[in-house]
N, C-alpha and C. Protein backbone atom coordinates (compact mmCIF):
# COMPACT_ATOMS: atom_id res chain seq x y z
N UNK A 1 7.31 8.56 9.76
CA UNK A 1 7.19 7.38 9.58
C UNK A 1 7.86 7.19 8.29
N UNK A 2 9.55 6.83 8.12
CA UNK A 2 9.71 6.01 7.00
C UNK A 2 9.59 4.32 6.61
N UNK A 3 8.99 4.41 5.45
CA UNK A 3 8.86 3.09 5.40
C UNK A 3 9.15 3.22 4.07
N UNK A 4 9.32 1.23 3.84
CA UNK A 4 9.29 1.28 2.46
C UNK A 4 8.12 -0.03 2.10
N UNK A 5 8.09 -0.06 0.60
CA UNK A 5 7.14 -1.36 0.46
C UNK A 5 7.51 -2.13 -0.75
N UNK A 6 6.91 -3.24 -0.62
CA UNK A 6 7.52 -4.16 -1.62
C UNK A 6 6.33 -4.94 -2.12
N UNK A 7 6.01 -5.30 -3.45
CA UNK A 7 5.55 -5.87 -3.71
C UNK A 7 4.84 -6.62 -5.36
N UNK A 8 4.06 -6.45 -5.47
CA UNK A 8 3.84 -6.85 -7.24
C UNK A 8 2.35 -6.65 -6.94
N UNK A 9 1.76 -5.80 -8.87
CA UNK A 9 1.06 -5.37 -9.49
C UNK A 9 0.76 -6.57 -10.52
N UNK A 10 -0.23 -7.68 -10.71
CA UNK A 10 -0.75 -8.02 -11.43
C UNK A 10 -2.00 -8.01 -12.37
N UNK A 11 -1.82 -7.49 -13.43
CA UNK A 11 -3.02 -7.99 -14.76
C UNK A 11 -3.85 -8.51 -14.61
N UNK A 12 -5.23 -8.40 -15.07
CA UNK A 12 -5.82 -8.98 -15.32
C UNK A 12 -6.20 -9.07 -16.42
N UNK A 13 -7.64 -10.19 -17.07
CA UNK A 13 -7.87 -10.11 -18.29
C UNK A 13 -9.11 -8.95 -17.90
N UNK A 14 -9.47 -7.65 -17.08
CA UNK A 14 -10.49 -7.13 -17.68
C UNK A 14 -10.60 -5.32 -17.05
N UNK A 15 -9.01 -5.72 -17.97
CA UNK A 15 -8.79 -4.38 -17.68
C UNK A 15 -8.29 -4.02 -15.91
N UNK A 16 -8.23 -4.52 -14.91
CA UNK A 16 -7.97 -4.19 -13.42
C UNK A 16 -7.17 -4.68 -13.17
N UNK A 17 -6.77 -3.95 -12.41
CA UNK A 17 -5.44 -5.09 -11.38
C UNK A 17 -5.36 -5.76 -10.05
N UNK A 18 -4.70 -6.19 -9.71
CA UNK A 18 -4.51 -5.91 -7.95
C UNK A 18 -3.51 -6.52 -7.69
N UNK A 19 -3.10 -6.12 -6.32
CA UNK A 19 -1.81 -6.05 -5.53
C UNK A 19 -1.70 -6.32 -4.43
N UNK A 20 -0.28 -6.62 -4.37
CA UNK A 20 -0.07 -7.30 -2.70
C UNK A 20 1.09 -6.73 -2.45
N UNK A 21 0.96 -6.31 -1.09
CA UNK A 21 2.48 -5.07 -1.01
C UNK A 21 2.47 -5.92 0.18
N UNK A 22 4.39 -6.00 0.72
CA UNK A 22 4.86 -6.22 1.97
C UNK A 22 5.06 -4.52 2.02
N UNK A 23 5.35 -4.08 3.32
CA UNK A 23 5.28 -2.83 4.24
C UNK A 23 6.31 -3.09 5.89
N UNK A 24 7.44 -2.38 5.37
CA UNK A 24 8.60 -2.41 6.69
C UNK A 24 8.87 -1.04 6.66
N UNK A 25 9.38 -0.96 8.56
CA UNK A 25 9.76 0.34 8.71
C UNK A 25 10.78 0.06 9.30
N UNK A 26 12.03 1.29 8.60
CA UNK A 26 13.53 0.61 9.51
C UNK A 26 13.63 -1.15 9.50
N UNK A 27 13.34 -1.66 8.07
CA UNK A 27 14.29 -3.06 7.96
C UNK A 27 13.38 -3.97 8.57
N UNK A 28 11.83 -3.62 9.61
CA UNK A 28 11.24 -4.21 10.52
C UNK A 28 10.04 -5.06 9.74
N UNK A 29 9.10 -6.34 9.98
CA UNK A 29 7.56 -5.86 8.86
C UNK A 29 6.79 -5.28 9.96
N UNK A 30 6.42 -4.36 8.67
CA UNK A 30 4.94 -4.83 9.32
C UNK A 30 3.51 -5.10 9.19
N UNK A 31 3.82 -5.47 8.00
CA UNK A 31 2.12 -6.48 7.73
C UNK A 31 1.84 -6.04 5.90
N UNK A 32 1.44 -7.60 5.39
CA UNK A 32 0.70 -7.00 4.64
C UNK A 32 -0.64 -6.32 3.95
N UNK A 33 -0.52 -5.77 2.82
CA UNK A 33 -2.09 -5.51 2.08
C UNK A 33 -2.30 -6.07 0.54
N UNK A 34 -3.53 -6.48 0.82
CA UNK A 34 -3.68 -6.91 -1.00
C UNK A 34 -4.72 -5.90 -1.34
N UNK A 35 -4.77 -6.43 -2.24
CA UNK A 35 -5.96 -5.20 -3.14
C UNK A 35 -6.18 -6.40 -4.53
N UNK A 36 -7.69 -5.92 -4.32
CA UNK A 36 -7.83 -6.91 -6.40
C UNK A 36 -9.09 -5.68 -6.59
N UNK A 37 -9.11 -5.73 -7.88
CA UNK A 37 -9.81 -4.82 -8.80
C UNK A 37 -9.31 -2.93 -8.86
N UNK A 38 -7.92 -3.16 -9.13
CA UNK A 38 -7.67 -1.39 -8.97
C UNK A 38 -7.73 -1.35 -10.66
N UNK A 39 -8.80 -0.09 -10.84
CA UNK A 39 -8.97 0.18 -11.94
C UNK A 39 -7.50 1.20 -12.39
N UNK A 40 -7.72 0.79 -13.78
CA UNK A 40 -6.31 2.12 -13.82
C UNK A 40 -6.15 1.84 -15.22
N UNK A 41 -5.39 2.34 -16.21
CA UNK A 41 -5.19 2.21 -17.46
C UNK A 41 -4.22 1.20 -17.42
N UNK A 42 -2.80 1.38 -17.03
CA UNK A 42 -1.36 0.83 -16.86
C UNK A 42 -1.01 -0.12 -15.23
N UNK A 43 -0.23 -0.47 -15.34
CA UNK A 43 -0.01 -0.62 -14.10
C UNK A 43 1.03 -0.24 -12.97
N UNK A 44 2.00 0.65 -13.80
CA UNK A 44 2.07 2.32 -13.00
C UNK A 44 1.10 2.60 -12.41
N UNK A 45 0.30 3.06 -13.01
CA UNK A 45 -0.76 4.02 -12.36
C UNK A 45 -1.76 2.85 -11.23
N UNK A 46 -1.76 1.70 -11.65
CA UNK A 46 -2.18 1.27 -10.30
C UNK A 46 -0.80 1.08 -9.40
N UNK A 47 0.36 0.59 -9.44
CA UNK A 47 0.85 0.03 -8.15
C UNK A 47 0.82 2.07 -7.48
N UNK A 48 1.09 3.35 -8.12
CA UNK A 48 0.59 4.13 -7.43
C UNK A 48 -0.42 4.87 -6.47
N UNK A 49 -1.19 4.21 -7.46
CA UNK A 49 -2.73 4.05 -6.04
C UNK A 49 -2.70 3.29 -4.90
N UNK A 50 -2.14 2.12 -5.46
CA UNK A 50 -1.78 1.15 -4.01
C UNK A 50 -1.51 1.62 -2.91
N UNK A 51 -0.20 2.64 -3.58
CA UNK A 51 1.10 3.18 -2.61
C UNK A 51 -0.03 4.06 -1.55
N UNK A 52 -0.60 4.75 -2.73
CA UNK A 52 -0.92 6.10 -1.61
C UNK A 52 -1.74 5.27 -0.86
N UNK A 53 -2.51 4.26 -1.04
CA UNK A 53 -3.68 3.90 0.07
C UNK A 53 -3.19 2.57 1.29
N UNK A 54 -2.31 2.87 1.06
CA UNK A 54 -1.12 1.63 1.92
C UNK A 54 -0.49 3.19 3.07
N UNK A 55 0.10 4.12 2.39
CA UNK A 55 0.57 4.79 2.81
C UNK A 55 -0.66 6.01 4.25
N UNK A 56 -1.67 5.69 3.40
CA UNK A 56 -2.77 6.26 4.39
C UNK A 56 -3.57 5.35 5.45
N UNK A 57 -2.90 4.10 4.93
CA UNK A 57 -3.34 3.34 6.27
C UNK A 57 -2.34 3.36 7.17
N UNK A 58 -1.21 2.98 6.71
CA UNK A 58 0.20 3.41 7.80
C UNK A 58 0.19 4.64 8.80
N UNK A 59 -0.37 6.16 8.39
CA UNK A 59 -0.18 6.81 9.03
C UNK A 59 -1.05 7.21 9.85
N UNK A 60 -2.07 5.96 8.88
CA UNK A 60 -3.71 5.60 10.07
C UNK A 60 -3.84 5.59 11.37
N UNK A 61 -2.84 4.12 10.97
CA UNK A 61 -2.55 3.40 11.96
C UNK A 61 -0.63 4.10 13.03
N UNK A 62 -0.64 4.40 12.73
CA UNK A 62 0.59 5.52 13.57
C UNK A 62 -0.37 6.44 13.92
N UNK A 63 -0.65 7.43 13.72
CA UNK A 63 -1.97 8.31 14.07
C UNK A 63 -2.12 7.11 15.93
N UNK A 64 -3.39 6.18 15.55
CA UNK A 64 -3.92 5.37 16.18
C UNK A 64 -2.96 5.52 17.09
N UNK A 65 -2.29 4.45 17.14
CA UNK A 65 -1.19 3.78 18.45
C UNK A 65 -0.35 4.80 19.26
N UNK A 66 0.02 5.78 18.13
CA UNK A 66 1.31 7.74 18.72
C UNK A 66 0.49 8.53 18.55
N UNK A 67 -0.95 9.15 19.66
CA UNK A 67 -1.56 9.75 19.42
C UNK A 67 -0.62 11.29 19.58
N UNK A 68 -1.26 12.79 18.92
CA UNK A 68 -0.04 13.08 19.56
C UNK A 68 -1.01 13.96 20.53
N UNK A 69 -0.78 15.00 21.41
CA UNK A 69 -1.51 16.10 22.55
C UNK A 69 -0.72 16.79 22.58
N UNK A 70 -2.02 17.69 22.37
CA UNK A 70 -1.45 18.99 23.26
C UNK A 70 -2.17 20.02 24.02
């Protein structure tokens, strides 16, 4: 399932990051995920962690809503 993510990662004073991301599939809004206290050395690593978490959540949701039977 292809999807796009749009959002931001915000640095905190304690060397952690917060993030909020909206997910879209084929231009349709799927939902928003918000994260806090992401431990990373910079914003790009924090964004990568958030993206991986969101991808897993979307894949899990799709699997639950559309189970594959063999």
